[in-house]
Amino acid sequence: MKIGLTYDLKEDIEAGRYLQDDALEEYDSREVVNAIAGALTSFGHDVVKLGGGRKFLSRILRTQPDFVFNIAEGRGNYRSREAQVPSVLEMLQIPYSGSDPETLAITLDKPLAKQLIQDAGVTTPPWIVINSLRELTNLPDRDLPMPAFIKPAFEGSSKGIRLTSRADVASRIRSTARELLKKYGQPVLVEKYIAGEEVTVGIVGNAPPAIVGIMHIIPRKKFKTFIYSLEVKRDWRNLVEYECPSKFSKSIIKRIKEASLLAYKALGCRDFSRMDFRLSEDGIPYLLEVNPLPGLNPVSGDLPIMSYKMGWSYNALIRSILEVGLARYGDAFISSHNI
């Protein structure tokens, strides 16, 4: 089968037009693309590297793959940018892996995703959204959750999330929010900071989805307040230890699994996803974010790391994502392509 691989390379993005130093954080390297392509090739498929942006548009029309393995993050600063490639694929009626445009757009909009998972019964920290500098100026201190965690509303890959993202007083919340509004050109999410443990959960599958692993992220050195921030992720080998399977109690693990699967269903996630939690000191898992397009870096990606710790190889992870994606299109599609 001819499989197209969609992605956005760091080297293809003009970083100079952005104000923030993490502008390229969500985009992939050639090493990641080659690792996925190598896995797909090892399964006996012909792989066509489609890339992203304008190159993707011309290549998809020229090559007409049977199926697309999608990891493209999309271009620009739009909250719907992750939906760009799947939208084109649906228009062209080309099957693809991963969540559909609606889910990808919703989950990148953090406030909207939080509202939907809360309505579905999943616990998430209380929050407010600040849309502009004028709104920030007019906002009374009493409306600010404290202590607070402040981050851009429409970003992924920990963009805008730093060790300084936590604030205890209104003046710090305001100064951090002001800086983010200027640098990222989008609303700012201010949510109640939950003291506790950092946890990330991997899911693969559809009918039913299955938990790949529950990974506890443990700091290697003493932090006054530990945040799984961009600085930490860039130096993860030295700063954190990944415990998977986690050593939480059975009751806590059950709560985390139930919340993960409920959010996966409520947001319409497909094929694979990763979810980030804070486990409060009284054992309540607070869902922070849902990422239906998690990084697949074979060395540093959280989902691959937890997969290895649960006994999977990298190729096994890619094969699982591919197989559940293909299965959604039915037996007729699979048999017609001799899969």
C-alpha atoms as a PDB file:
ATOM      1  CA  MET A   1       0.000   0.000   0.000  1.00  0.00           C
ATOM      2  CA  LYS A   2       1.179   3.518  -0.733  1.00  0.00           C
ATOM      3  CA  ILE A   3       1.193   5.508   2.510  1.00  0.00           C
ATOM      4  CA  GLY A   4       1.706   9.246   2.528  1.00  0.00           C
ATOM      5  CA  LEU A   5       3.451  10.782   5.536  1.00  0.00           C
ATOM      6  CA  THR A   6       2.451  14.336   6.446  1.00  0.00           C
ATOM      7  CA  TYR A   7       4.544  16.461   8.805  1.00  0.00           C
ATOM      8  CA  ASP A   8       5.932  19.938   9.392  1.00  0.00           C
ATOM      9  CA  LEU A   9       9.703  20.275   9.650  1.00  0.00           C
ATOM     10  CA  LYS A  10      11.348  22.895  11.831  1.00  0.00           C
ATOM     11  CA  GLU A  11      13.601  23.832   8.928  1.00  0.00           C
ATOM     12  CA  ASP A  12      10.601  24.678   6.720  1.00  0.00           C
ATOM     13  CA  ILE A  13       9.209  27.292   9.137  1.00  0.00           C
ATOM     14  CA  GLU A  14      10.342  30.897   9.173  1.00  0.00           C
ATOM     15  CA  ALA A  15      11.017  31.359  12.880  1.00  0.00           C
ATOM     16  CA  GLY A  16      12.167  34.955  12.480  1.00  0.00           C
ATOM     17  CA  ARG A  17       8.635  36.260  12.077  1.00  0.00           C
ATOM     18  CA  TYR A  18       7.649  35.128  15.587  1.00  0.00           C
ATOM     19  CA  LEU A  19       8.345  36.976  18.833  1.00  0.00           C
ATOM     20  CA  GLN A  20       8.686  33.898  21.026  1.00  0.00           C
ATOM     21  CA  ASP A  21      11.801  31.733  21.267  1.00  0.00           C
ATOM     22  CA  ASP A  22       9.799  28.497  21.247  1.00  0.00           C
ATOM     23  CA  ALA A  23       8.132  29.128  17.882  1.00  0.00           C
ATOM     24  CA  LEU A  24       9.457  25.892  16.354  1.00  0.00           C
ATOM     25  CA  GLU A  25       8.898  23.678  19.387  1.00  0.00           C
ATOM     26  CA  GLU A  26       5.898  21.768  18.041  1.00  0.00           C
ATOM     27  CA  TYR A  27       7.450  21.009  14.656  1.00  0.00           C
ATOM     28  CA  ASP A  28       9.410  17.859  13.872  1.00  0.00           C
ATOM     29  CA  SER A  29      12.940  17.012  12.796  1.00  0.00           C
ATOM     30  CA  ARG A  30      14.026  14.837   9.892  1.00  0.00           C
ATOM     31  CA  GLU A  31      15.043  12.176  12.417  1.00  0.00           C
ATOM     32  CA  VAL A  32      11.436  11.798  13.574  1.00  0.00           C
ATOM     33  CA  VAL A  33      10.104  11.696  10.018  1.00  0.00           C
ATOM     34  CA  ASN A  34      12.703   9.117   9.023  1.00  0.00           C
ATOM     35  CA  ALA A  35      11.915   6.970  12.072  1.00  0.00           C
ATOM     36  CA  ILE A  36       8.208   6.835  11.213  1.00  0.00           C
ATOM     37  CA  ALA A  37       8.910   6.300   7.519  1.00  0.00           C
ATOM     38  CA  GLY A  38      11.313   3.492   8.413  1.00  0.00           C
ATOM     39  CA  ALA A  39       8.708   1.786  10.558  1.00  0.00           C
ATOM     40  CA  LEU A  40       6.031   2.015   7.858  1.00  0.00           C
ATOM     41  CA  THR A  41       8.463   0.713   5.243  1.00  0.00           C
ATOM     42  CA  SER A  42       9.372  -2.237   7.462  1.00  0.00           C
ATOM     43  CA  PHE A  43       5.701  -3.254   7.412  1.00  0.00           C
ATOM     44  CA  GLY A  44       5.926  -3.636   3.622  1.00  0.00           C
ATOM     45  CA  HIS A  45       4.387  -0.302   2.586  1.00  0.00           C
ATOM     46  CA  ASP A  46       5.658   2.255   0.073  1.00  0.00           C
ATOM     47  CA  VAL A  47       6.094   5.583   1.869  1.00  0.00           C
ATOM     48  CA  VAL A  48       5.693   8.954   0.178  1.00  0.00           C
ATOM     49  CA  LYS A  49       6.958  11.923   2.191  1.00  0.00           C
ATOM     50  CA  LEU A  50       4.371  14.645   1.690  1.00  0.00           C
ATOM     51  CA  GLY A  51       5.545  17.243   4.193  1.00  0.00           C
ATOM     52  CA  GLY A  52       3.251  20.132   5.075  1.00  0.00           C
ATOM     53  CA  GLY A  53       2.126  23.553   3.885  1.00  0.00           C
ATOM     54  CA  ARG A  54       2.179  24.309   0.164  1.00  0.00           C
ATOM     55  CA  LYS A  55       4.511  21.384  -0.548  1.00  0.00           C
ATOM     56  CA  PHE A  56       1.922  19.037   0.901  1.00  0.00           C
ATOM     57  CA  LEU A  57      -0.809  20.468  -1.322  1.00  0.00           C
ATOM     58  CA  SER A  58       1.109  19.877  -4.540  1.00  0.00           C
ATOM     59  CA  ARG A  59       2.471  16.487  -3.497  1.00  0.00           C
ATOM     60  CA  ILE A  60      -0.864  15.051  -2.328  1.00  0.00           C
ATOM     61  CA  LEU A  61      -2.469  15.915  -5.669  1.00  0.00           C
ATOM     62  CA  ARG A  62       0.438  14.450  -7.611  1.00  0.00           C
ATOM     63  CA  THR A  63       1.023  11.226  -5.659  1.00  0.00           C
ATOM     64  CA  GLN A  64      -2.525  10.220  -4.564  1.00  0.00           C
ATOM     65  CA  PRO A  65      -1.572   7.841  -1.711  1.00  0.00           C
ATOM     66  CA  ASP A  66      -3.962   5.145  -0.531  1.00  0.00           C
ATOM     67  CA  PHE A  67      -3.686   6.252   3.097  1.00  0.00           C
ATOM     68  CA  VAL A  68      -1.946   9.042   5.027  1.00  0.00           C
ATOM     69  CA  PHE A  69      -0.125   8.767   8.343  1.00  0.00           C
ATOM     70  CA  ASN A  70      -0.544  12.269   9.712  1.00  0.00           C
ATOM     71  CA  ILE A  71       1.679  14.075  12.217  1.00  0.00           C
ATOM     72  CA  ALA A  72       1.397  17.566  10.652  1.00  0.00           C
ATOM     73  CA  GLU A  73       0.945  20.346  13.214  1.00  0.00           C
ATOM     74  CA  GLY A  74      -0.253  22.940  10.684  1.00  0.00           C
ATOM     75  CA  ARG A  75       1.030  26.403   9.851  1.00  0.00           C
ATOM     76  CA  GLY A  76       0.408  29.804  11.354  1.00  0.00           C
ATOM     77  CA  ASN A  77      -0.978  30.963  14.675  1.00  0.00           C
ATOM     78  CA  TYR A  78      -4.531  29.735  14.123  1.00  0.00           C
ATOM     79  CA  ARG A  79      -6.318  27.719  16.793  1.00  0.00           C
ATOM     80  CA  SER A  80      -7.506  25.371  14.027  1.00  0.00           C
ATOM     81  CA  ARG A  81      -4.074  24.859  12.438  1.00  0.00           C
ATOM     82  CA  GLU A  82      -3.827  21.167  13.367  1.00  0.00           C
ATOM     83  CA  ALA A  83      -7.009  20.616  11.344  1.00  0.00           C
ATOM     84  CA  GLN A  84      -5.494  21.962   8.095  1.00  0.00           C
ATOM     85  CA  VAL A  85      -4.068  18.715   6.691  1.00  0.00           C
ATOM     86  CA  PRO A  86      -6.957  16.419   7.730  1.00  0.00           C
ATOM     87  CA  SER A  87      -9.429  18.890   6.214  1.00  0.00           C
ATOM     88  CA  VAL A  88      -7.676  18.679   2.843  1.00  0.00           C
ATOM     89  CA  LEU A  89      -7.531  14.886   3.085  1.00  0.00           C
ATOM     90  CA  GLU A  90     -11.262  14.696   3.775  1.00  0.00           C
ATOM     91  CA  MET A  91     -11.988  16.992   0.843  1.00  0.00           C
ATOM     92  CA  LEU A  92      -9.948  14.677  -1.386  1.00  0.00           C
ATOM     93  CA  GLN A  93     -11.516  11.593   0.259  1.00  0.00           C
ATOM     94  CA  ILE A  94      -8.146  10.151   1.229  1.00  0.00           C
ATOM     95  CA  PRO A  95      -8.177   8.047   4.440  1.00  0.00           C
ATOM     96  CA  TYR A  96      -5.780   9.081   7.196  1.00  0.00           C
ATOM     97  CA  SER A  97      -4.688   8.261  10.731  1.00  0.00           C
ATOM     98  CA  GLY A  98      -5.565  10.230  13.825  1.00  0.00           C
ATOM     99  CA  SER A  99      -8.367  12.512  14.897  1.00  0.00           C
ATOM    100  CA  ASP A 100     -10.558  14.471  12.530  1.00  0.00           C
ATOM    101  CA  PRO A 101     -10.447  18.262  11.938  1.00  0.00           C
ATOM    102  CA  GLU A 102     -13.136  19.021  14.507  1.00  0.00           C
ATOM    103  CA  THR A 103     -11.376  17.226  17.349  1.00  0.00           C
ATOM    104  CA  LEU A 104      -7.995  18.677  16.422  1.00  0.00           C
ATOM    105  CA  ALA A 105      -9.409  22.206  16.374  1.00  0.00           C
ATOM    106  CA  ILE A 106     -11.286  21.774  19.652  1.00  0.00           C
ATOM    107  CA  THR A 107      -8.387  20.315  21.613  1.00  0.00           C
ATOM    108  CA  LEU A 108      -5.925  23.013  20.537  1.00  0.00           C
ATOM    109  CA  ASP A 109      -8.437  25.525  21.910  1.00  0.00           C
ATOM    110  CA  LYS A 110      -7.661  24.758  25.561  1.00  0.00           C
ATOM    111  CA  PRO A 111     -10.582  26.684  27.132  1.00  0.00           C
ATOM    112  CA  LEU A 112     -13.107  25.036  24.803  1.00  0.00           C
ATOM    113  CA  ALA A 113     -11.671  21.575  25.437  1.00  0.00           C
ATOM    114  CA  LYS A 114     -11.772  22.180  29.200  1.00  0.00           C
ATOM    115  CA  GLN A 115     -15.411  23.207  29.001  1.00  0.00           C
ATOM    116  CA  LEU A 116     -16.368  20.091  27.051  1.00  0.00           C
ATOM    117  CA  ILE A 117     -14.533  17.646  29.299  1.00  0.00           C
ATOM    118  CA  GLN A 118     -15.950  19.361  32.382  1.00  0.00           C
ATOM    119  CA  ASP A 119     -19.450  19.032  30.945  1.00  0.00           C
ATOM    120  CA  ALA A 120     -18.717  15.333  30.391  1.00  0.00           C
ATOM    121  CA  GLY A 121     -17.870  14.873  34.072  1.00  0.00           C
ATOM    122  CA  VAL A 122     -14.066  15.051  33.962  1.00  0.00           C
ATOM    123  CA  THR A 123     -12.404  17.171  36.656  1.00  0.00           C
ATOM    124  CA  THR A 124     -10.281  20.054  35.364  1.00  0.00           C
ATOM    125  CA  PRO A 125      -8.928  23.088  37.255  1.00  0.00           C
ATOM    126  CA  PRO A 126     -11.183  26.175  37.368  1.00  0.00           C
ATOM    127  CA  TRP A 127     -10.135  28.784  34.802  1.00  0.00           C
ATOM    128  CA  ILE A 128     -10.733  32.118  33.166  1.00  0.00           C
ATOM    129  CA  VAL A 129      -9.730  33.375  29.717  1.00  0.00           C
ATOM    130  CA  ILE A 130      -8.190  36.794  29.112  1.00  0.00           C
ATOM    131  CA  ASN A 131      -8.652  37.911  25.510  1.00  0.00           C
ATOM    132  CA  SER A 132      -6.930  41.287  25.415  1.00  0.00           C
ATOM    133  CA  LEU A 133      -4.803  43.775  27.329  1.00  0.00           C
ATOM    134  CA  ARG A 134      -7.883  45.938  27.886  1.00  0.00           C
ATOM    135  CA  GLU A 135      -9.775  42.985  29.348  1.00  0.00           C
ATOM    136  CA  LEU A 136      -6.794  42.239  31.608  1.00  0.00           C
ATOM    137  CA  THR A 137      -6.700  45.837  32.842  1.00  0.00           C
ATOM    138  CA  ASN A 138     -10.412  45.861  33.670  1.00  0.00           C
ATOM    139  CA  LEU A 139     -10.426  42.431  35.355  1.00  0.00           C
ATOM    140  CA  PRO A 140     -10.881  42.661  39.159  1.00  0.00           C
ATOM    141  CA  ASP A 141      -8.327  40.821  41.290  1.00  0.00           C
ATOM    142  CA  ARG A 142     -11.125  38.819  42.908  1.00  0.00           C
ATOM    143  CA  ASP A 143     -11.810  37.109  39.563  1.00  0.00           C
ATOM    144  CA  LEU A 144      -8.275  35.747  39.295  1.00  0.00           C
ATOM    145  CA  PRO A 145      -7.785  32.143  40.462  1.00  0.00           C
ATOM    146  CA  MET A 146      -4.923  31.971  42.961  1.00  0.00           C
ATOM    147  CA  PRO A 147      -2.458  30.409  42.974  1.00  0.00           C
ATOM    148  CA  ALA A 148      -2.641  30.466  39.200  1.00  0.00           C
ATOM    149  CA  PHE A 149      -1.040  28.808  36.195  1.00  0.00           C
ATOM    150  CA  ILE A 150      -0.860  31.028  33.119  1.00  0.00           C
ATOM    151  CA  LYS A 151      -0.366  29.821  29.533  1.00  0.00           C
ATOM    152  CA  PRO A 152      -1.337  30.626  25.928  1.00  0.00           C
ATOM    153  CA  ALA A 153      -4.820  29.374  25.049  1.00  0.00           C
ATOM    154  CA  PHE A 154      -4.047  27.890  21.622  1.00  0.00           C
ATOM    155  CA  GLU A 155      -0.599  26.297  21.833  1.00  0.00           C
ATOM    156  CA  GLY A 156       0.883  22.822  22.149  1.00  0.00           C
ATOM    157  CA  SER A 157       4.269  21.230  22.868  1.00  0.00           C
ATOM    158  CA  SER A 158       4.581  23.265  26.104  1.00  0.00           C
ATOM    159  CA  LYS A 159       4.917  26.527  24.170  1.00  0.00           C
ATOM    160  CA  GLY A 160       4.599  29.374  26.644  1.00  0.00           C
ATOM    161  CA  ILE A 161       4.807  27.028  29.631  1.00  0.00           C
ATOM    162  CA  ARG A 162       7.840  27.895  31.748  1.00  0.00           C
ATOM    163  CA  LEU A 163       9.050  27.482  35.304  1.00  0.00           C
ATOM    164  CA  THR A 164       7.685  31.014  35.861  1.00  0.00           C
ATOM    165  CA  SER A 165       4.159  30.143  34.685  1.00  0.00           C
ATOM    166  CA  ARG A 166       2.903  29.713  38.249  1.00  0.00           C
ATOM    167  CA  ALA A 167       1.922  32.869  40.140  1.00  0.00           C
ATOM    168  CA  ASP A 168       0.760  33.413  43.729  1.00  0.00           C
ATOM    169  CA  VAL A 169      -0.270  37.053  43.582  1.00  0.00           C
ATOM    170  CA  ALA A 170      -2.403  39.155  41.273  1.00  0.00           C
ATOM    171  CA  SER A 171       0.468  41.376  40.133  1.00  0.00           C
ATOM    172  CA  ARG A 172       2.474  38.352  38.908  1.00  0.00           C
ATOM    173  CA  ILE A 173      -0.564  36.888  37.161  1.00  0.00           C
ATOM    174  CA  ARG A 174      -1.124  40.174  35.370  1.00  0.00           C
ATOM    175  CA  SER A 175       2.498  40.650  34.315  1.00  0.00           C
ATOM    176  CA  THR A 176       2.769  37.060  33.013  1.00  0.00           C
ATOM    177  CA  ALA A 177      -0.553  37.295  31.167  1.00  0.00           C
ATOM    178  CA  ARG A 178       0.460  40.645  29.670  1.00  0.00           C
ATOM    179  CA  GLU A 179       3.711  39.177  28.354  1.00  0.00           C
ATOM    180  CA  LEU A 180       1.954  36.155  26.820  1.00  0.00           C
ATOM    181  CA  LEU A 181      -0.723  38.290  25.158  1.00  0.00           C
ATOM    182  CA  LYS A 182       1.977  40.369  23.470  1.00  0.00           C
ATOM    183  CA  LYS A 183       4.289  37.510  22.486  1.00  0.00           C
ATOM    184  CA  TYR A 184       1.786  34.916  21.273  1.00  0.00           C
ATOM    185  CA  GLY A 185      -0.970  37.088  19.820  1.00  0.00           C
ATOM    186  CA  GLN A 186      -3.781  34.977  21.263  1.00  0.00           C
ATOM    187  CA  PRO A 187      -5.905  34.729  24.425  1.00  0.00           C
ATOM    188  CA  VAL A 188      -4.352  33.600  27.694  1.00  0.00           C
ATOM    189  CA  LEU A 189      -5.702  30.822  29.903  1.00  0.00           C
ATOM    190  CA  VAL A 190      -5.433  31.423  33.642  1.00  0.00           C
ATOM    191  CA  GLU A 191      -6.331  28.336  35.640  1.00  0.00           C
ATOM    192  CA  LYS A 192      -6.144  27.339  39.262  1.00  0.00           C
ATOM    193  CA  TYR A 193      -2.754  25.807  40.000  1.00  0.00           C
ATOM    194  CA  ILE A 194      -3.082  22.279  41.374  1.00  0.00           C
ATOM    195  CA  ALA A 195      -0.290  21.250  43.720  1.00  0.00           C
ATOM    196  CA  GLY A 196       0.610  17.602  43.242  1.00  0.00           C
ATOM    197  CA  GLU A 197       2.144  15.065  40.907  1.00  0.00           C
ATOM    198  CA  GLU A 198       2.630  15.365  37.142  1.00  0.00           C
ATOM    199  CA  VAL A 199       1.108  12.472  35.187  1.00  0.00           C
ATOM    200  CA  THR A 200       0.753  11.789  31.482  1.00  0.00           C
ATOM    201  CA  VAL A 201      -1.394   9.055  29.945  1.00  0.00           C
ATOM    202  CA  GLY A 202      -1.103   7.410  26.532  1.00  0.00           C
ATOM    203  CA  ILE A 203      -4.064   5.931  24.674  1.00  0.00           C
ATOM    204  CA  VAL A 204      -4.205   3.925  21.443  1.00  0.00           C
ATOM    205  CA  GLY A 205      -7.331   2.503  19.804  1.00  0.00           C
ATOM    206  CA  ASN A 206     -10.987   3.124  19.084  1.00  0.00           C
ATOM    207  CA  ALA A 207     -13.278   0.196  19.722  1.00  0.00           C
ATOM    208  CA  PRO A 208     -12.382   0.213  22.506  1.00  0.00           C
ATOM    209  CA  PRO A 209      -9.468   2.569  23.127  1.00  0.00           C
ATOM    210  CA  ALA A 210      -6.807   1.160  25.436  1.00  0.00           C
ATOM    211  CA  ILE A 211      -4.465   2.773  27.935  1.00  0.00           C
ATOM    212  CA  VAL A 212      -0.866   2.308  26.794  1.00  0.00           C
ATOM    213  CA  GLY A 213       0.582   3.572  30.046  1.00  0.00           C
ATOM    214  CA  ILE A 214       0.221   5.947  32.989  1.00  0.00           C
ATOM    215  CA  MET A 215       3.532   7.719  33.445  1.00  0.00           C
ATOM    216  CA  HIS A 216       4.493   9.565  36.618  1.00  0.00           C
ATOM    217  CA  ILE A 217       6.949  12.404  35.935  1.00  0.00           C
ATOM    218  CA  ILE A 218       9.262  12.729  38.929  1.00  0.00           C
ATOM    219  CA  PRO A 219      11.802  15.559  39.332  1.00  0.00           C
ATOM    220  CA  ARG A 220      15.392  14.393  39.902  1.00  0.00           C
ATOM    221  CA  LYS A 221      16.228  17.451  41.993  1.00  0.00           C
ATOM    222  CA  LYS A 222      14.333  19.528  44.485  1.00  0.00           C
ATOM    223  CA  PHE A 223      12.134  22.220  42.945  1.00  0.00           C
ATOM    224  CA  LYS A 224      10.282  24.738  45.070  1.00  0.00           C
ATOM    225  CA  THR A 225       7.393  24.153  42.681  1.00  0.00           C
ATOM    226  CA  PHE A 226       7.886  21.483  40.042  1.00  0.00           C
ATOM    227  CA  ILE A 227       6.425  22.272  36.626  1.00  0.00           C
ATOM    228  CA  TYR A 228       6.860  19.981  33.630  1.00  0.00           C
ATOM    229  CA  SER A 229       7.826  23.038  31.627  1.00  0.00           C
ATOM    230  CA  LEU A 230       9.602  23.625  28.356  1.00  0.00           C
ATOM    231  CA  GLU A 231      12.928  24.071  30.162  1.00  0.00           C
ATOM    232  CA  VAL A 232      12.475  20.682  31.851  1.00  0.00           C
ATOM    233  CA  LYS A 233      11.430  18.906  28.649  1.00  0.00           C
ATOM    234  CA  ARG A 234      14.473  20.263  26.814  1.00  0.00           C
ATOM    235  CA  ASP A 235      16.735  18.742  29.502  1.00  0.00           C
ATOM    236  CA  TRP A 236      14.579  15.789  30.516  1.00  0.00           C
ATOM    237  CA  ARG A 237      17.440  13.297  30.899  1.00  0.00           C
ATOM    238  CA  ASN A 238      18.966  15.344  33.704  1.00  0.00           C
ATOM    239  CA  LEU A 239      15.873  16.825  35.304  1.00  0.00           C
ATOM    240  CA  VAL A 240      13.185  14.122  35.448  1.00  0.00           C
ATOM    241  CA  GLU A 241      12.655  10.421  35.954  1.00  0.00           C
ATOM    242  CA  TYR A 242       9.817   8.654  34.163  1.00  0.00           C
ATOM    243  CA  GLU A 243       8.018   6.023  36.235  1.00  0.00           C
ATOM    244  CA  CYS A 244       5.869   3.771  34.099  1.00  0.00           C
ATOM    245  CA  PRO A 245       3.931   1.833  35.129  1.00  0.00           C
ATOM    246  CA  SER A 246       3.293   4.316  37.902  1.00  0.00           C
ATOM    247  CA  LYS A 247       3.247   3.219  41.534  1.00  0.00           C
ATOM    248  CA  PHE A 248       0.047   4.999  42.491  1.00  0.00           C
ATOM    249  CA  SER A 249      -2.602   3.100  44.384  1.00  0.00           C
ATOM    250  CA  LYS A 250      -5.122   0.974  42.503  1.00  0.00           C
ATOM    251  CA  SER A 251      -7.918   3.424  43.314  1.00  0.00           C
ATOM    252  CA  ILE A 252      -5.960   6.396  41.911  1.00  0.00           C
ATOM    253  CA  ILE A 253      -4.971   4.482  38.784  1.00  0.00           C
ATOM    254  CA  LYS A 254      -8.633   3.596  38.286  1.00  0.00           C
ATOM    255  CA  ARG A 255      -9.608   7.279  38.551  1.00  0.00           C
ATOM    256  CA  ILE A 256      -6.956   8.324  36.049  1.00  0.00           C
ATOM    257  CA  LYS A 257      -7.987   5.628  33.567  1.00  0.00           C
ATOM    258  CA  GLU A 258     -11.674   6.503  33.842  1.00  0.00           C
ATOM    259  CA  ALA A 259     -11.027  10.232  33.376  1.00  0.00           C
ATOM    260  CA  SER A 260      -8.721   9.576  30.387  1.00  0.00           C
ATOM    261  CA  LEU A 261     -11.146   7.331  28.537  1.00  0.00           C
ATOM    262  CA  LEU A 262     -14.096   9.604  29.287  1.00  0.00           C
ATOM    263  CA  ALA A 263     -12.235  12.635  27.898  1.00  0.00           C
ATOM    264  CA  TYR A 264     -11.060  10.632  24.862  1.00  0.00           C
ATOM    265  CA  LYS A 265     -14.668   9.808  24.035  1.00  0.00           C
ATOM    266  CA  ALA A 266     -16.099  13.236  24.884  1.00  0.00           C
ATOM    267  CA  LEU A 267     -13.670  15.020  22.560  1.00  0.00           C
ATOM    268  CA  GLY A 268     -13.980  12.486  19.753  1.00  0.00           C
ATOM    269  CA  CYS A 269     -10.313  11.433  19.776  1.00  0.00           C
ATOM    270  CA  ARG A 270      -9.319   8.705  17.334  1.00  0.00           C
ATOM    271  CA  ASP A 271      -6.474   6.217  17.012  1.00  0.00           C
ATOM    272  CA  PHE A 272      -4.105   7.708  19.613  1.00  0.00           C
ATOM    273  CA  SER A 273      -3.752  10.506  22.099  1.00  0.00           C
ATOM    274  CA  ARG A 274      -1.870  11.697  25.175  1.00  0.00           C
ATOM    275  CA  MET A 275      -3.409  13.391  28.199  1.00  0.00           C
ATOM    276  CA  ASP A 276      -1.735  15.444  30.898  1.00  0.00           C
ATOM    277  CA  PHE A 277      -2.928  15.445  34.506  1.00  0.00           C
ATOM    278  CA  ARG A 278      -2.065  16.915  37.850  1.00  0.00           C
ATOM    279  CA  LEU A 279      -2.774  14.512  40.678  1.00  0.00           C
ATOM    280  CA  SER A 280      -3.779  16.576  43.698  1.00  0.00           C
ATOM    281  CA  GLU A 281      -2.532  15.851  47.193  1.00  0.00           C
ATOM    282  CA  ASP A 282      -5.895  14.278  48.035  1.00  0.00           C
ATOM    283  CA  GLY A 283      -5.712  11.898  45.072  1.00  0.00           C
ATOM    284  CA  ILE A 284      -7.970  13.671  42.564  1.00  0.00           C
ATOM    285  CA  PRO A 285      -6.725  13.641  38.939  1.00  0.00           C
ATOM    286  CA  TYR A 286      -7.209  17.051  37.300  1.00  0.00           C
ATOM    287  CA  LEU A 287      -7.055  16.873  33.515  1.00  0.00           C
ATOM    288  CA  LEU A 288      -4.991  19.768  32.168  1.00  0.00           C
ATOM    289  CA  GLU A 289      -4.745  19.101  28.442  1.00  0.00           C
ATOM    290  CA  VAL A 290      -5.633  16.582  25.749  1.00  0.00           C
ATOM    291  CA  ASN A 291      -3.245  16.101  22.844  1.00  0.00           C
ATOM    292  CA  PRO A 292      -4.702  14.023  19.990  1.00  0.00           C
ATOM    293  CA  LEU A 293      -1.536  14.644  17.942  1.00  0.00           C
ATOM    294  CA  PRO A 294       1.181  13.722  20.460  1.00  0.00           C
ATOM    295  CA  GLY A 295       4.829  13.841  19.535  1.00  0.00           C
ATOM    296  CA  LEU A 296       6.331  10.627  18.163  1.00  0.00           C
ATOM    297  CA  ASN A 297      10.007  11.476  18.589  1.00  0.00           C
ATOM    298  CA  PRO A 298      11.544   8.020  19.187  1.00  0.00           C
ATOM    299  CA  VAL A 299      13.979   9.413  21.773  1.00  0.00           C
ATOM    300  CA  SER A 300      12.184  12.166  23.679  1.00  0.00           C
ATOM    301  CA  GLY A 301       8.459  11.774  22.937  1.00  0.00           C
ATOM    302  CA  ASP A 302       6.410  11.033  26.062  1.00  0.00           C
ATOM    303  CA  LEU A 303       4.193   8.525  24.252  1.00  0.00           C
ATOM    304  CA  PRO A 304       7.131   6.520  22.824  1.00  0.00           C
ATOM    305  CA  ILE A 305       8.928   6.626  26.193  1.00  0.00           C
ATOM    306  CA  MET A 306       5.957   5.202  28.080  1.00  0.00           C
ATOM    307  CA  SER A 307       5.488   2.631  25.322  1.00  0.00           C
ATOM    308  CA  TYR A 308       9.074   1.406  25.773  1.00  0.00           C
ATOM    309  CA  LYS A 309       8.596   1.182  29.522  1.00  0.00           C
ATOM    310  CA  MET A 310       5.473  -0.911  28.940  1.00  0.00           C
ATOM    311  CA  GLY A 311       7.398  -3.334  26.710  1.00  0.00           C
ATOM    312  CA  TRP A 312       6.564  -1.961  23.249  1.00  0.00           C
ATOM    313  CA  SER A 313       9.100  -1.226  20.537  1.00  0.00           C
ATOM    314  CA  TYR A 314       8.878   1.978  18.498  1.00  0.00           C
ATOM    315  CA  ASN A 315       7.747   0.005  15.458  1.00  0.00           C
ATOM    316  CA  ALA A 316       5.051  -1.703  17.541  1.00  0.00           C
ATOM    317  CA  LEU A 317       3.675   1.700  18.564  1.00  0.00           C
ATOM    318  CA  ILE A 318       3.604   2.971  14.964  1.00  0.00           C
ATOM    319  CA  ARG A 319       2.050  -0.293  13.780  1.00  0.00           C
ATOM    320  CA  SER A 320      -0.690  -0.065  16.415  1.00  0.00           C
ATOM    321  CA  ILE A 321      -1.574   3.505  15.410  1.00  0.00           C
ATOM    322  CA  LEU A 322      -1.605   2.527  11.741  1.00  0.00           C
ATOM    323  CA  GLU A 323      -3.720  -0.594  12.282  1.00  0.00           C
ATOM    324  CA  VAL A 324      -6.435   1.105  14.348  1.00  0.00           C
ATOM    325  CA  GLY A 325      -6.536   3.924  11.807  1.00  0.00           C
ATOM    326  CA  LEU A 326      -6.949   1.509   8.918  1.00  0.00           C
ATOM    327  CA  ALA A 327      -9.583  -0.479  10.816  1.00  0.00           C
ATOM    328  CA  ARG A 328     -11.857   2.586  10.988  1.00  0.00           C
ATOM    329  CA  TYR A 329     -12.283   2.405   7.202  1.00  0.00           C
ATOM    330  CA  GLY A 330     -13.629  -1.144   7.323  1.00  0.00           C
ATOM    331  CA  ASP A 331     -12.871  -4.590   5.986  1.00  0.00           C
ATOM    332  CA  ALA A 332     -13.635  -3.616   2.394  1.00  0.00           C
ATOM    333  CA  PHE A 333     -10.929  -0.945   2.395  1.00  0.00           C
ATOM    334  CA  ILE A 334      -8.402  -3.278   4.053  1.00  0.00           C
ATOM    335  CA  SER A 335      -9.062  -6.185   1.707  1.00  0.00           C
ATOM    336  CA  SER A 336      -9.023  -3.987  -1.407  1.00  0.00           C
ATOM    337  CA  HIS A 337      -5.504  -2.823  -0.507  1.00  0.00           C
ATOM    338  CA  ASN A 338      -4.257  -6.320   0.410  1.00  0.00           C
ATOM    339  CA  ILE A 339      -3.401  -5.269   3.956  1.00  0.00           C
END
